N, C-alpha and C. Protein backbone atom coordinates (compact mmCIF):
# COMPACT_ATOMS: atom_id res chain seq x y z
N MET A 1 -25.16 9.02 -20.01
CA MET A 1 -25.63 7.90 -20.24
C MET A 1 -26.54 8.06 -21.56
N LYS A 2 -26.84 7.38 -22.49
CA LYS A 2 -27.90 7.49 -23.47
C LYS A 2 -29.16 7.15 -23.01
N GLN A 3 -29.97 7.88 -23.40
CA GLN A 3 -31.43 7.83 -23.14
C GLN A 3 -31.93 6.44 -23.28
N GLU A 4 -31.50 5.76 -24.41
CA GLU A 4 -32.20 4.40 -24.92
C GLU A 4 -31.52 3.31 -23.80
N THR A 5 -30.46 3.78 -23.09
CA THR A 5 -29.81 2.78 -22.25
C THR A 5 -30.33 2.92 -20.90
N ILE A 6 -30.75 4.11 -20.45
CA ILE A 6 -31.51 4.48 -19.24
C ILE A 6 -32.94 3.64 -19.30
N GLN A 7 -33.49 3.73 -20.45
CA GLN A 7 -35.01 3.31 -20.57
C GLN A 7 -34.65 1.74 -20.48
N ARG A 8 -33.50 1.15 -20.81
CA ARG A 8 -33.56 -0.52 -21.02
C ARG A 8 -33.22 -0.73 -19.48
N ILE A 9 -32.62 0.09 -18.61
CA ILE A 9 -32.62 -0.29 -17.34
C ILE A 9 -33.90 -0.08 -16.63
N ARG A 10 -34.60 0.89 -16.86
CA ARG A 10 -35.85 1.02 -16.27
C ARG A 10 -36.83 -0.03 -16.84
N LYS A 11 -36.81 -0.44 -17.92
CA LYS A 11 -37.66 -1.52 -18.55
C LYS A 11 -37.33 -2.91 -17.80
N PHE A 12 -35.92 -3.17 -17.80
CA PHE A 12 -35.77 -4.29 -17.09
C PHE A 12 -36.27 -4.48 -15.47
N THR A 13 -36.25 -3.36 -14.83
CA THR A 13 -36.84 -3.17 -13.49
C THR A 13 -38.42 -3.43 -13.62
N GLU A 14 -38.79 -2.67 -14.52
CA GLU A 14 -40.49 -2.80 -14.62
C GLU A 14 -40.84 -3.91 -14.74
N ASP A 15 -40.23 -4.74 -15.85
CA ASP A 15 -40.68 -6.15 -16.42
C ASP A 15 -40.65 -7.26 -15.16
N ARG A 16 -39.69 -6.89 -14.17
CA ARG A 16 -39.46 -7.85 -12.99
C ARG A 16 -40.19 -7.33 -12.00
N ASP A 17 -41.03 -6.32 -12.11
CA ASP A 17 -41.60 -5.80 -10.66
C ASP A 17 -40.79 -5.58 -9.53
N TRP A 18 -39.62 -5.19 -9.74
CA TRP A 18 -38.51 -4.90 -8.52
C TRP A 18 -38.60 -3.36 -8.10
N ASP A 19 -39.16 -2.73 -8.72
CA ASP A 19 -39.28 -1.24 -8.00
C ASP A 19 -39.58 -1.31 -6.49
N GLN A 20 -40.52 -2.40 -6.26
CA GLN A 20 -40.94 -2.44 -4.80
C GLN A 20 -39.75 -3.00 -3.82
N PHE A 21 -38.81 -3.22 -4.44
CA PHE A 21 -37.61 -3.59 -3.41
C PHE A 21 -36.57 -2.45 -3.57
N HIS A 22 -36.84 -1.50 -4.30
CA HIS A 22 -35.56 -0.33 -4.54
C HIS A 22 -36.12 0.77 -3.68
N SER A 23 -35.80 0.58 -2.37
CA SER A 23 -35.89 1.87 -1.70
C SER A 23 -34.45 2.64 -1.80
N PRO A 24 -34.40 3.80 -1.64
CA PRO A 24 -33.17 4.54 -1.57
C PRO A 24 -31.91 3.57 -0.69
N ALA A 25 -32.56 3.22 0.38
CA ALA A 25 -31.51 2.68 1.24
C ALA A 25 -30.91 1.36 0.58
N ASN A 26 -31.94 0.60 0.14
CA ASN A 26 -31.55 -0.55 -0.46
C ASN A 26 -30.69 -0.41 -1.83
N LEU A 27 -30.97 0.55 -2.42
CA LEU A 27 -30.24 0.82 -3.68
C LEU A 27 -28.55 1.24 -3.30
N ALA A 28 -28.70 2.19 -2.18
CA ALA A 28 -27.52 2.55 -1.66
C ALA A 28 -26.56 1.31 -1.15
N LYS A 29 -27.33 0.55 -0.45
CA LYS A 29 -26.48 -0.66 0.05
C LYS A 29 -25.89 -1.42 -1.20
N SER A 30 -27.01 -1.80 -2.34
CA SER A 30 -26.45 -2.57 -3.61
C SER A 30 -25.24 -1.76 -4.32
N ILE A 31 -25.17 -0.39 -4.18
CA ILE A 31 -24.18 0.25 -4.95
C ILE A 31 -22.69 -0.22 -4.27
N VAL A 32 -22.94 0.03 -2.86
CA VAL A 32 -21.70 -0.12 -2.11
C VAL A 32 -21.06 -1.73 -2.35
N ILE A 33 -22.15 -2.62 -2.10
CA ILE A 33 -21.90 -4.11 -2.37
C ILE A 33 -21.06 -4.30 -3.89
N GLU A 34 -21.71 -3.77 -4.91
CA GLU A 34 -21.31 -3.88 -6.23
C GLU A 34 -19.79 -3.09 -6.22
N ALA A 35 -19.74 -2.08 -5.69
CA ALA A 35 -18.42 -1.16 -5.68
C ALA A 35 -17.38 -2.20 -5.16
N ALA A 36 -17.84 -2.86 -3.90
CA ALA A 36 -16.67 -3.82 -3.20
C ALA A 36 -16.34 -5.01 -4.23
N GLU A 37 -17.39 -5.62 -4.99
CA GLU A 37 -17.15 -6.52 -5.96
C GLU A 37 -16.23 -6.01 -7.16
N LEU A 38 -16.46 -4.80 -7.42
CA LEU A 38 -15.34 -4.16 -8.28
C LEU A 38 -13.92 -3.95 -7.77
N LEU A 39 -13.87 -3.67 -6.64
CA LEU A 39 -12.66 -3.44 -5.95
C LEU A 39 -11.95 -4.84 -5.87
N GLU A 40 -12.64 -5.66 -5.61
CA GLU A 40 -12.06 -7.30 -5.51
C GLU A 40 -11.45 -7.54 -6.71
N CYS A 41 -11.75 -7.04 -7.93
CA CYS A 41 -11.17 -7.27 -9.25
C CYS A 41 -9.54 -7.06 -8.97
N PHE A 42 -9.27 -6.25 -8.22
CA PHE A 42 -7.88 -5.52 -8.02
C PHE A 42 -7.24 -5.77 -6.63
N GLN A 43 -7.92 -6.81 -6.17
CA GLN A 43 -7.48 -7.28 -4.53
C GLN A 43 -6.27 -7.68 -4.73
N TRP A 44 -5.60 -8.19 -5.61
CA TRP A 44 -4.19 -8.88 -5.29
C TRP A 44 -3.22 -8.21 -6.25
N SER A 45 -3.72 -7.54 -7.38
CA SER A 45 -2.78 -6.98 -8.27
C SER A 45 -3.40 -5.62 -8.96
N ASP A 46 -2.68 -4.64 -9.20
CA ASP A 46 -3.05 -3.31 -9.68
C ASP A 46 -3.05 -3.22 -11.08
N THR A 47 -2.29 -4.34 -11.53
CA THR A 47 -2.10 -4.29 -13.26
C THR A 47 -2.57 -5.51 -13.64
N ASP A 48 -2.96 -6.67 -12.86
CA ASP A 48 -3.24 -8.20 -13.41
C ASP A 48 -4.74 -8.39 -13.01
N TYR A 49 -5.69 -7.77 -13.87
CA TYR A 49 -7.16 -8.08 -13.60
C TYR A 49 -7.64 -8.59 -14.97
N ASP A 50 -8.97 -9.02 -14.64
CA ASP A 50 -9.67 -9.44 -15.86
C ASP A 50 -10.61 -8.24 -16.19
N LEU A 51 -10.47 -7.68 -17.63
CA LEU A 51 -11.20 -6.65 -17.79
C LEU A 51 -12.58 -6.77 -17.81
N GLN A 52 -12.87 -7.93 -18.48
CA GLN A 52 -14.40 -8.31 -18.64
C GLN A 52 -14.91 -8.37 -17.43
N HIS A 53 -14.39 -8.81 -16.19
CA HIS A 53 -15.08 -8.79 -14.90
C HIS A 53 -15.14 -7.31 -14.35
N VAL A 54 -14.06 -6.53 -14.51
CA VAL A 54 -14.18 -5.26 -14.05
C VAL A 54 -15.48 -4.56 -14.85
N LYS A 55 -15.69 -4.63 -16.09
CA LYS A 55 -16.72 -4.21 -16.82
C LYS A 55 -18.15 -4.51 -16.38
N GLU A 56 -18.31 -5.78 -15.90
CA GLU A 56 -19.42 -6.27 -15.46
C GLU A 56 -19.80 -5.58 -14.07
N GLU A 57 -18.83 -5.58 -13.25
CA GLU A 57 -18.97 -4.98 -12.03
C GLU A 57 -19.27 -3.66 -11.87
N LEU A 58 -18.43 -2.89 -12.97
CA LEU A 58 -18.56 -1.47 -13.00
C LEU A 58 -20.08 -1.10 -13.41
N ALA A 59 -20.62 -2.14 -14.49
CA ALA A 59 -21.75 -1.96 -15.10
C ALA A 59 -23.04 -1.82 -13.85
N ASP A 60 -22.86 -2.96 -13.02
CA ASP A 60 -23.57 -3.04 -11.87
C ASP A 60 -23.75 -1.88 -11.07
N VAL A 61 -22.78 -1.44 -10.82
CA VAL A 61 -22.62 0.04 -9.87
C VAL A 61 -23.32 1.12 -10.53
N ILE A 62 -23.28 1.12 -12.02
CA ILE A 62 -23.83 2.14 -12.84
C ILE A 62 -25.45 1.87 -12.83
N VAL A 63 -25.84 0.67 -12.88
CA VAL A 63 -27.13 0.37 -13.16
C VAL A 63 -27.94 0.62 -11.86
N TYR A 64 -27.40 0.47 -10.62
CA TYR A 64 -27.92 0.52 -9.29
C TYR A 64 -27.98 2.13 -9.13
N SER A 65 -26.86 2.79 -9.70
CA SER A 65 -26.77 4.32 -9.57
C SER A 65 -27.97 4.85 -10.24
N GLN A 66 -28.20 4.36 -11.45
CA GLN A 66 -29.44 4.91 -12.31
C GLN A 66 -30.67 4.67 -11.68
N ASN A 67 -30.76 3.50 -11.04
CA ASN A 67 -32.10 3.29 -10.25
C ASN A 67 -32.21 4.12 -8.81
N LEU A 68 -31.16 4.42 -8.23
CA LEU A 68 -31.25 5.38 -7.26
C LEU A 68 -31.47 6.71 -7.68
N LEU A 69 -31.07 7.21 -8.91
CA LEU A 69 -31.22 8.46 -9.54
C LEU A 69 -32.66 8.64 -9.75
N ASP A 70 -33.46 7.44 -10.27
CA ASP A 70 -34.83 7.49 -10.70
C ASP A 70 -35.59 7.67 -9.45
N LYS A 71 -35.36 6.65 -8.40
CA LYS A 71 -35.96 6.54 -7.12
C LYS A 71 -36.18 7.97 -6.60
N LEU A 72 -35.03 8.68 -6.63
CA LEU A 72 -34.98 9.91 -5.85
C LEU A 72 -35.55 11.17 -6.67
N GLY A 73 -35.73 10.77 -8.15
CA GLY A 73 -36.24 12.07 -9.09
C GLY A 73 -34.89 12.90 -9.46
N LEU A 74 -33.68 12.41 -9.38
CA LEU A 74 -32.52 13.12 -9.53
C LEU A 74 -31.90 13.14 -11.25
N ASP A 75 -31.44 13.89 -11.70
CA ASP A 75 -30.81 14.05 -12.95
C ASP A 75 -29.25 13.87 -12.86
N ALA A 76 -28.58 12.83 -13.65
CA ALA A 76 -27.16 12.53 -13.22
C ALA A 76 -26.37 13.93 -13.74
N ASP A 77 -26.87 14.35 -14.88
CA ASP A 77 -25.98 15.44 -15.48
C ASP A 77 -25.94 16.77 -14.41
N GLU A 78 -27.14 17.04 -13.87
CA GLU A 78 -27.47 18.07 -12.87
C GLU A 78 -26.72 17.91 -11.63
N ILE A 79 -26.67 16.87 -10.97
CA ILE A 79 -25.88 16.47 -10.02
C ILE A 79 -24.30 16.37 -10.23
N VAL A 80 -23.99 15.87 -11.23
CA VAL A 80 -22.51 15.76 -11.54
C VAL A 80 -21.99 17.15 -11.74
N ASN A 81 -22.67 17.82 -12.31
CA ASN A 81 -22.17 19.28 -12.70
C ASN A 81 -22.08 20.14 -11.48
N MET A 82 -23.21 19.86 -10.54
CA MET A 82 -23.34 20.46 -9.37
C MET A 82 -21.99 20.22 -8.55
N LYS A 83 -21.63 18.91 -8.54
CA LYS A 83 -20.43 18.51 -7.85
C LYS A 83 -19.21 18.83 -8.40
N MET A 84 -19.03 18.84 -9.72
CA MET A 84 -17.84 19.35 -10.47
C MET A 84 -17.68 20.91 -10.17
N THR A 85 -18.76 21.74 -9.89
CA THR A 85 -18.80 23.05 -9.57
C THR A 85 -18.04 23.08 -8.12
N GLN A 86 -18.45 22.40 -7.31
CA GLN A 86 -17.76 22.29 -5.91
C GLN A 86 -16.48 21.93 -5.84
N ASN A 87 -16.14 20.75 -6.74
CA ASN A 87 -14.60 20.35 -6.80
C ASN A 87 -13.70 21.54 -7.43
N GLU A 88 -14.36 22.21 -8.32
CA GLU A 88 -13.48 23.20 -8.86
C GLU A 88 -13.06 24.17 -8.15
N ARG A 89 -13.97 24.62 -7.00
CA ARG A 89 -13.74 25.52 -6.33
C ARG A 89 -12.67 25.11 -4.97
N LYS A 90 -12.99 23.55 -4.74
CA LYS A 90 -12.28 23.22 -3.67
C LYS A 90 -10.56 22.88 -4.09
N TYR A 91 -10.49 22.77 -5.11
CA TYR A 91 -9.41 22.30 -6.04
C TYR A 91 -9.07 23.21 -7.17
N PRO A 92 -8.60 24.44 -6.85
CA PRO A 92 -8.31 25.23 -8.01
C PRO A 92 -6.99 24.73 -8.64
N ILE A 93 -6.81 24.99 -9.81
CA ILE A 93 -5.88 24.58 -10.89
C ILE A 93 -4.41 25.01 -10.25
N GLU A 94 -4.23 26.18 -9.80
CA GLU A 94 -2.96 26.64 -9.38
C GLU A 94 -2.50 26.04 -8.27
N LYS A 95 -3.44 25.45 -7.26
CA LYS A 95 -2.77 24.78 -6.12
C LYS A 95 -3.08 23.17 -6.22
N ALA A 96 -3.91 22.74 -7.03
CA ALA A 96 -4.04 21.27 -7.03
C ALA A 96 -3.30 20.51 -8.16
N LYS A 97 -2.87 21.19 -9.12
CA LYS A 97 -2.30 20.51 -10.58
C LYS A 97 -1.09 19.83 -9.91
N GLY A 98 -1.11 18.43 -10.20
CA GLY A 98 -0.08 17.58 -9.98
C GLY A 98 -0.03 17.19 -8.49
N ASN A 99 -0.98 17.48 -7.63
CA ASN A 99 -1.02 17.40 -6.16
C ASN A 99 -2.13 16.56 -5.83
N ALA A 100 -1.87 15.44 -5.03
CA ALA A 100 -2.81 14.69 -4.57
C ALA A 100 -3.32 14.79 -3.22
N SER A 101 -2.90 15.94 -2.43
CA SER A 101 -3.40 16.14 -1.18
C SER A 101 -4.77 16.50 -1.18
N LYS A 102 -5.38 16.42 -0.01
CA LYS A 102 -6.84 16.47 -0.02
C LYS A 102 -6.91 18.31 0.01
N TYR A 103 -8.16 18.71 -0.38
CA TYR A 103 -8.41 20.14 -0.56
C TYR A 103 -7.83 21.01 0.84
N THR A 104 -7.99 20.40 2.23
CA THR A 104 -7.82 21.07 3.28
C THR A 104 -6.33 21.19 3.30
N GLU A 105 -5.50 20.59 2.57
CA GLU A 105 -4.04 20.52 2.68
C GLU A 105 -3.17 21.38 1.60
N LEU A 106 -4.09 21.86 0.85
CA LEU A 106 -3.58 22.65 -0.28
C LEU A 106 -3.03 23.98 -0.08
């Protein structure tokens, strides 16, 4: 995410004095709630959905995720790359390509 976007999220929270409500647990709960609202966009159809609504709910997930990153002092690039390294080991191309099985079943 661009630094200016991250700063905008931080300023939004600071201007409203909402950091006091942003415990890691509250932010994790909010991420799950917003993810459920995102899933609701696809509740009755995998193909017939309102893209604007999808974008709004996905943005809510991302904003709360950034708030949790800040609260825990984490860097998104660092933790995503750490996880990608783990995933690359668990799902080697030669075993996983074109296969949706869990890594324990490859």
